[in-house]
Amino acid sequence: MLGFAVPHWVLCHAAVPGAVVIEDPWTNDTTGDTWVDAHLLPVPDSAFDEMSAMEKDRYRAAVNIRTPQE
């Protein structure tokens, strides 16, 4: 993401047809990134799929957080 191959977590706020909406807490001050650059960022499904694959085995990880009522 943003040209860096660095594993880190993002928060997915929503899913819309063809994309997910994320919050990415990692920014790079040296390239001028601020929190605005990764706040409610729409990412196409195909790009998110590619970014979420790790190493040659292409494994993924996710944590699903819900309220007790859901």
PDB file of N, CA and C in Angstrom:
ATOM      1  N   MET A   1       0.837  -1.175   0.000  1.00  0.00           N
ATOM      2  CA  MET A   1       0.000   0.000   0.000  1.00  0.00           C
ATOM      3  C   MET A   1       0.881   1.237   0.000  1.00  0.00           C
ATOM      4  N   LEU A   2       0.513   2.212  -0.752  1.00  0.00           N
ATOM      5  CA  LEU A   2       1.263   3.467  -0.844  1.00  0.00           C
ATOM      6  C   LEU A   2       2.706   3.241  -1.270  1.00  0.00           C
ATOM      7  N   GLY A   3       2.985   2.126  -1.953  1.00  0.00           N
ATOM      8  CA  GLY A   3       4.317   1.861  -2.470  1.00  0.00           C
ATOM      9  C   GLY A   3       5.256   1.181  -1.500  1.00  0.00           C
ATOM     10  N   PHE A   4       4.757   0.714  -0.362  1.00  0.00           N
ATOM     11  CA  PHE A   4       5.606   0.059   0.631  1.00  0.00           C
ATOM     12  C   PHE A   4       5.116  -1.357   0.872  1.00  0.00           C
ATOM     13  N   ALA A   5       6.034  -2.310   0.898  1.00  0.00           N
ATOM     14  CA  ALA A   5       5.702  -3.701   1.205  1.00  0.00           C
ATOM     15  C   ALA A   5       5.959  -3.951   2.682  1.00  0.00           C
ATOM     16  N   VAL A   6       5.112  -3.378   3.531  1.00  0.00           N
ATOM     17  CA  VAL A   6       5.276  -3.474   4.980  1.00  0.00           C
ATOM     18  C   VAL A   6       3.977  -4.020   5.576  1.00  0.00           C
ATOM     19  N   PRO A   7       4.018  -5.187   6.225  1.00  0.00           N
ATOM     20  CA  PRO A   7       2.780  -5.708   6.808  1.00  0.00           C
ATOM     21  C   PRO A   7       2.330  -4.856   7.996  1.00  0.00           C
ATOM     22  N   HIS A   8       1.053  -4.563   8.022  1.00  0.00           N
ATOM     23  CA  HIS A   8       0.443  -3.860   9.143  1.00  0.00           C
ATOM     24  C   HIS A   8      -1.066  -4.012   9.064  1.00  0.00           C
ATOM     25  N   TRP A   9      -1.745  -3.659  10.145  1.00  0.00           N
ATOM     26  CA  TRP A   9      -3.197  -3.789  10.222  1.00  0.00           C
ATOM     27  C   TRP A   9      -3.879  -2.525   9.731  1.00  0.00           C
ATOM     28  N   VAL A  10      -5.046  -2.703   9.130  1.00  0.00           N
ATOM     29  CA  VAL A  10      -5.927  -1.590   8.796  1.00  0.00           C
ATOM     30  C   VAL A  10      -7.304  -1.920   9.377  1.00  0.00           C
ATOM     31  N   LEU A  11      -8.116  -0.902   9.546  1.00  0.00           N
ATOM     32  CA  LEU A  11      -9.466  -1.080  10.055  1.00  0.00           C
ATOM     33  C   LEU A  11     -10.441  -0.895   8.896  1.00  0.00           C
ATOM     34  N   CYS A  12     -11.245  -1.894   8.642  1.00  0.00           N
ATOM     35  CA  CYS A  12     -12.241  -1.818   7.575  1.00  0.00           C
ATOM     36  C   CYS A  12     -13.535  -1.276   8.169  1.00  0.00           C
ATOM     37  N   HIS A  13     -13.964  -0.098   7.700  1.00  0.00           N
ATOM     38  CA  HIS A  13     -15.186   0.534   8.199  1.00  0.00           C
ATOM     39  C   HIS A  13     -16.430   0.040   7.485  1.00  0.00           C
ATOM     40  N   ALA A  14     -16.296  -0.263   6.203  1.00  0.00           N
ATOM     41  CA  ALA A  14     -17.469  -0.620   5.412  1.00  0.00           C
ATOM     42  C   ALA A  14     -17.052  -1.376   4.168  1.00  0.00           C
ATOM     43  N   ALA A  15     -18.023  -2.027   3.583  1.00  0.00           N
ATOM     44  CA  ALA A  15     -17.835  -2.674   2.296  1.00  0.00           C
ATOM     45  C   ALA A  15     -18.952  -2.186   1.376  1.00  0.00           C
ATOM     46  N   VAL A  16     -18.580  -1.787   0.205  1.00  0.00           N
ATOM     47  CA  VAL A  16     -19.533  -1.350  -0.809  1.00  0.00           C
ATOM     48  C   VAL A  16     -19.280  -2.211  -2.044  1.00  0.00           C
ATOM     49  N   PRO A  17     -20.205  -2.267  -2.979  1.00  0.00           N
ATOM     50  CA  PRO A  17     -19.959  -3.097  -4.158  1.00  0.00           C
ATOM     51  C   PRO A  17     -18.645  -2.716  -4.857  1.00  0.00           C
ATOM     52  N   GLY A  18     -17.714  -3.651  -4.860  1.00  0.00           N
ATOM     53  CA  GLY A  18     -16.450  -3.449  -5.554  1.00  0.00           C
ATOM     54  C   GLY A  18     -15.329  -2.843  -4.748  1.00  0.00           C
ATOM     55  N   ALA A  19     -15.571  -2.515  -3.457  1.00  0.00           N
ATOM     56  CA  ALA A  19     -14.506  -1.881  -2.659  1.00  0.00           C
ATOM     57  C   ALA A  19     -14.769  -2.044  -1.165  1.00  0.00           C
ATOM     58  N   VAL A  20     -13.698  -1.857  -0.396  1.00  0.00           N
ATOM     59  CA  VAL A  20     -13.811  -1.738   1.061  1.00  0.00           C
ATOM     60  C   VAL A  20     -13.340  -0.343   1.442  1.00  0.00           C
ATOM     61  N   VAL A  21     -13.814   0.145   2.570  1.00  0.00           N
ATOM     62  CA  VAL A  21     -13.436   1.470   3.056  1.00  0.00           C
ATOM     63  C   VAL A  21     -12.613   1.252   4.322  1.00  0.00           C
ATOM     64  N   ILE A  22     -11.352   1.704   4.291  1.00  0.00           N
ATOM     65  CA  ILE A  22     -10.447   1.409   5.402  1.00  0.00           C
ATOM     66  C   ILE A  22      -9.918   2.677   6.071  1.00  0.00           C
ATOM     67  N   GLU A  23      -9.411   2.474   7.258  1.00  0.00           N
ATOM     68  CA  GLU A  23      -8.633   3.466   8.006  1.00  0.00           C
ATOM     69  C   GLU A  23      -7.259   2.832   8.172  1.00  0.00           C
ATOM     70  N   ASP A  24      -6.245   3.495   7.689  1.00  0.00           N
ATOM     71  CA  ASP A  24      -4.881   2.970   7.772  1.00  0.00           C
ATOM     72  C   ASP A  24      -4.089   3.838   8.742  1.00  0.00           C
ATOM     73  N   PRO A  25      -3.740   3.315   9.921  1.00  0.00           N
ATOM     74  CA  PRO A  25      -3.073   4.143  10.922  1.00  0.00           C
ATOM     75  C   PRO A  25      -1.611   4.454  10.614  1.00  0.00           C
ATOM     76  N   TRP A  26      -1.069   3.839   9.575  1.00  0.00           N
ATOM     77  CA  TRP A  26       0.351   4.028   9.271  1.00  0.00           C
ATOM     78  C   TRP A  26       0.522   5.097   8.204  1.00  0.00           C
ATOM     79  N   THR A  27       1.241   6.137   8.521  1.00  0.00           N
ATOM     80  CA  THR A  27       1.560   7.177   7.540  1.00  0.00           C
ATOM     81  C   THR A  27       3.064   7.389   7.537  1.00  0.00           C
ATOM     82  N   ASN A  28       3.555   8.047   6.499  1.00  0.00           N
ATOM     83  CA  ASN A  28       4.986   8.258   6.343  1.00  0.00           C
ATOM     84  C   ASN A  28       5.245   9.765   6.266  1.00  0.00           C
ATOM     85  N   ASP A  29       5.731  10.327   7.352  1.00  0.00           N
ATOM     86  CA  ASP A  29       5.978  11.773   7.416  1.00  0.00           C
ATOM     87  C   ASP A  29       6.972  12.247   6.367  1.00  0.00           C
ATOM     88  N   THR A  30       7.966  11.410   6.032  1.00  0.00           N
ATOM     89  CA  THR A  30       8.998  11.848   5.088  1.00  0.00           C
ATOM     90  C   THR A  30       8.460  12.036   3.671  1.00  0.00           C
ATOM     91  N   THR A  31       7.350  11.354   3.348  1.00  0.00           N
ATOM     92  CA  THR A  31       6.743  11.546   2.029  1.00  0.00           C
ATOM     93  C   THR A  31       5.542  12.488   2.085  1.00  0.00           C
ATOM     94  N   GLY A  32       5.312  13.071   3.260  1.00  0.00           N
ATOM     95  CA  GLY A  32       4.232  14.042   3.394  1.00  0.00           C
ATOM     96  C   GLY A  32       2.875  13.451   3.689  1.00  0.00           C
ATOM     97  N   ASP A  33       2.808  12.152   4.022  1.00  0.00           N
ATOM     98  CA  ASP A  33       1.527  11.540   4.370  1.00  0.00           C
ATOM     99  C   ASP A  33       1.028  12.076   5.702  1.00  0.00           C
ATOM    100  N   THR A  34      -0.267  12.267   5.790  1.00  0.00           N
ATOM    101  CA  THR A  34      -0.904  12.608   7.067  1.00  0.00           C
ATOM    102  C   THR A  34      -2.067  11.645   7.270  1.00  0.00           C
ATOM    103  N   TRP A  35      -2.729  11.746   8.395  1.00  0.00           N
ATOM    104  CA  TRP A  35      -3.867  10.865   8.680  1.00  0.00           C
ATOM    105  C   TRP A  35      -4.971  11.040   7.631  1.00  0.00           C
ATOM    106  N   VAL A  36      -5.039  12.202   7.012  1.00  0.00           N
ATOM    107  CA  VAL A  36      -6.065  12.460   6.000  1.00  0.00           C
ATOM    108  C   VAL A  36      -5.873  11.559   4.777  1.00  0.00           C
ATOM    109  N   ASP A  37      -4.636  11.219   4.458  1.00  0.00           N
ATOM    110  CA  ASP A  37      -4.348  10.386   3.290  1.00  0.00           C
ATOM    111  C   ASP A  37      -4.899   8.968   3.418  1.00  0.00           C
ATOM    112  N   ALA A  38      -5.138   8.500   4.621  1.00  0.00           N
ATOM    113  CA  ALA A  38      -5.596   7.125   4.812  1.00  0.00           C
ATOM    114  C   ALA A  38      -6.849   7.052   5.674  1.00  0.00           C
ATOM    115  N   HIS A  39      -7.611   8.133   5.741  1.00  0.00           N
ATOM    116  CA  HIS A  39      -8.856   8.166   6.507  1.00  0.00           C
ATOM    117  C   HIS A  39     -10.029   7.908   5.568  1.00  0.00           C
ATOM    118  N   LEU A  40     -10.822   6.886   5.884  1.00  0.00           N
ATOM    119  CA  LEU A  40     -11.959   6.487   5.047  1.00  0.00           C
ATOM    120  C   LEU A  40     -11.537   6.326   3.585  1.00  0.00           C
ATOM    121  N   LEU A  41     -10.487   5.568   3.421  1.00  0.00           N
ATOM    122  CA  LEU A  41      -9.875   5.356   2.110  1.00  0.00           C
ATOM    123  C   LEU A  41     -10.584   4.223   1.368  1.00  0.00           C
ATOM    124  N   PRO A  42     -11.195   4.490   0.219  1.00  0.00           N
ATOM    125  CA  PRO A  42     -11.813   3.405  -0.551  1.00  0.00           C
ATOM    126  C   PRO A  42     -10.730   2.636  -1.316  1.00  0.00           C
ATOM    127  N   VAL A  43     -10.743   1.324  -1.171  1.00  0.00           N
ATOM    128  CA  VAL A  43      -9.762   0.471  -1.844  1.00  0.00           C
ATOM    129  C   VAL A  43     -10.524  -0.575  -2.663  1.00  0.00           C
ATOM    130  N   PRO A  44     -10.300  -0.632  -3.960  1.00  0.00           N
ATOM    131  CA  PRO A  44     -10.988  -1.636  -4.786  1.00  0.00           C
ATOM    132  C   PRO A  44     -10.699  -3.056  -4.285  1.00  0.00           C
ATOM    133  N   ASP A  45     -11.696  -3.932  -4.407  1.00  0.00           N
ATOM    134  CA  ASP A  45     -11.554  -5.312  -3.937  1.00  0.00           C
ATOM    135  C   ASP A  45     -10.294  -5.976  -4.467  1.00  0.00           C
ATOM    136  N   SER A  46     -10.012  -5.815  -5.745  1.00  0.00           N
ATOM    137  CA  SER A  46      -8.840  -6.480  -6.335  1.00  0.00           C
ATOM    138  C   SER A  46      -7.543  -5.950  -5.729  1.00  0.00           C
ATOM    139  N   ALA A  47      -7.472  -4.652  -5.467  1.00  0.00           N
ATOM    140  CA  ALA A  47      -6.278  -4.071  -4.853  1.00  0.00           C
ATOM    141  C   ALA A  47      -6.149  -4.524  -3.408  1.00  0.00           C
ATOM    142  N   PHE A  48      -7.265  -4.577  -2.675  1.00  0.00           N
ATOM    143  CA  PHE A  48      -7.225  -5.015  -1.278  1.00  0.00           C
ATOM    144  C   PHE A  48      -6.811  -6.477  -1.199  1.00  0.00           C
ATOM    145  N   ASP A  49      -7.307  -7.293  -2.117  1.00  0.00           N
ATOM    146  CA  ASP A  49      -6.921  -8.700  -2.155  1.00  0.00           C
ATOM    147  C   ASP A  49      -5.426  -8.840  -2.385  1.00  0.00           C
ATOM    148  N   GLU A  50      -4.894  -8.069  -3.322  1.00  0.00           N
ATOM    149  CA  GLU A  50      -3.458  -8.131  -3.609  1.00  0.00           C
ATOM    150  C   GLU A  50      -2.627  -7.633  -2.431  1.00  0.00           C
ATOM    151  N   MET A  51      -3.057  -6.556  -1.788  1.00  0.00           N
ATOM    152  CA  MET A  51      -2.314  -5.999  -0.653  1.00  0.00           C
ATOM    153  C   MET A  51      -2.358  -6.898   0.572  1.00  0.00           C
ATOM    154  N   SER A  52      -3.420  -7.697   0.709  1.00  0.00           N
ATOM    155  CA  SER A  52      -3.572  -8.487   1.930  1.00  0.00           C
ATOM    156  C   SER A  52      -2.833  -9.816   1.887  1.00  0.00           C
ATOM    157  N   ALA A  53      -2.313 -10.217   0.743  1.00  0.00           N
ATOM    158  CA  ALA A  53      -1.602 -11.486   0.632  1.00  0.00           C
ATOM    159  C   ALA A  53      -0.165 -11.326   1.130  1.00  0.00           C
ATOM    160  N   MET A  54       0.249 -12.235   1.998  1.00  0.00           N
ATOM    161  CA  MET A  54       1.571 -12.173   2.609  1.00  0.00           C
ATOM    162  C   MET A  54       2.479 -13.267   2.061  1.00  0.00           C
ATOM    163  N   GLU A  55       3.683 -12.894   1.740  1.00  0.00           N
ATOM    164  CA  GLU A  55       4.759 -13.801   1.346  1.00  0.00           C
ATOM    165  C   GLU A  55       4.374 -14.703   0.180  1.00  0.00           C
ATOM    166  N   LYS A  56       5.192 -15.676  -0.124  1.00  0.00           N
ATOM    167  CA  LYS A  56       4.973 -16.513  -1.303  1.00  0.00           C
ATOM    168  C   LYS A  56       3.748 -17.411  -1.166  1.00  0.00           C
ATOM    169  N   ASP A  57       3.358 -17.769   0.062  1.00  0.00           N
ATOM    170  CA  ASP A  57       2.178 -18.618   0.268  1.00  0.00           C
ATOM    171  C   ASP A  57       0.873 -17.829   0.216  1.00  0.00           C
ATOM    172  N   ARG A  58       0.969 -16.498   0.173  1.00  0.00           N
ATOM    173  CA  ARG A  58      -0.168 -15.597   0.057  1.00  0.00           C
ATOM    174  C   ARG A  58      -1.195 -15.796   1.178  1.00  0.00           C
ATOM    175  N   TYR A  59      -0.730 -16.031   2.407  1.00  0.00           N
ATOM    176  CA  TYR A  59      -1.658 -16.179   3.526  1.00  0.00           C
ATOM    177  C   TYR A  59      -2.189 -14.812   3.951  1.00  0.00           C
ATOM    178  N   ARG A  60      -3.304 -14.827   4.655  1.00  0.00           N
ATOM    179  CA  ARG A  60      -3.960 -13.607   5.117  1.00  0.00           C
ATOM    180  C   ARG A  60      -4.389 -13.771   6.563  1.00  0.00           C
ATOM    181  N   ALA A  61      -4.633 -12.658   7.221  1.00  0.00           N
ATOM    182  CA  ALA A  61      -5.149 -12.683   8.587  1.00  0.00           C
ATOM    183  C   ALA A  61      -6.144 -11.550   8.753  1.00  0.00           C
ATOM    184  N   ALA A  62      -7.165 -11.782   9.566  1.00  0.00           N
ATOM    185  CA  ALA A  62      -8.160 -10.748   9.845  1.00  0.00           C
ATOM    186  C   ALA A  62      -8.728 -10.974  11.237  1.00  0.00           C
ATOM    187  N   VAL A  63      -9.132  -9.905  11.865  1.00  0.00           N
ATOM    188  CA  VAL A  63      -9.826  -9.959  13.143  1.00  0.00           C
ATOM    189  C   VAL A  63     -11.190  -9.325  12.930  1.00  0.00           C
ATOM    190  N   ASN A  64     -12.253 -10.050  13.234  1.00  0.00           N
ATOM    191  CA  ASN A  64     -13.608  -9.555  13.050  1.00  0.00           C
ATOM    192  C   ASN A  64     -14.150  -9.131  14.412  1.00  0.00           C
ATOM    193  N   ILE A  65     -14.472  -7.854  14.558  1.00  0.00           N
ATOM    194  CA  ILE A  65     -14.952  -7.325  15.841  1.00  0.00           C
ATOM    195  C   ILE A  65     -16.428  -6.968  15.705  1.00  0.00           C
ATOM    196  N   ARG A  66     -17.239  -7.521  16.579  1.00  0.00           N
ATOM    197  CA  ARG A  66     -18.676  -7.238  16.576  1.00  0.00           C
ATOM    198  C   ARG A  66     -19.149  -7.016  18.004  1.00  0.00           C
ATOM    199  N   THR A  67     -20.290  -6.371  18.112  1.00  0.00           N
ATOM    200  CA  THR A  67     -20.889  -6.218  19.439  1.00  0.00           C
ATOM    201  C   THR A  67     -21.536  -7.536  19.837  1.00  0.00           C
ATOM    202  N   PRO A  68     -21.773  -7.790  21.122  1.00  0.00           N
ATOM    203  CA  PRO A  68     -22.392  -9.057  21.547  1.00  0.00           C
ATOM    204  C   PRO A  68     -23.770  -9.305  20.920  1.00  0.00           C
ATOM    205  N   GLN A  69     -24.493  -8.258  20.550  1.00  0.00           N
ATOM    206  CA  GLN A  69     -25.831  -8.424  19.969  1.00  0.00           C
ATOM    207  C   GLN A  69     -25.796  -8.896  18.528  1.00  0.00           C
ATOM    208  N   GLU A  70     -24.683  -8.754  17.849  1.00  0.00           N
ATOM    209  CA  GLU A  70     -24.627  -9.087  16.418  1.00  0.00           C
ATOM    210  C   GLU A  70     -24.441 -10.577  16.197  1.00  0.00           C
TER     211      GLU A  70
END
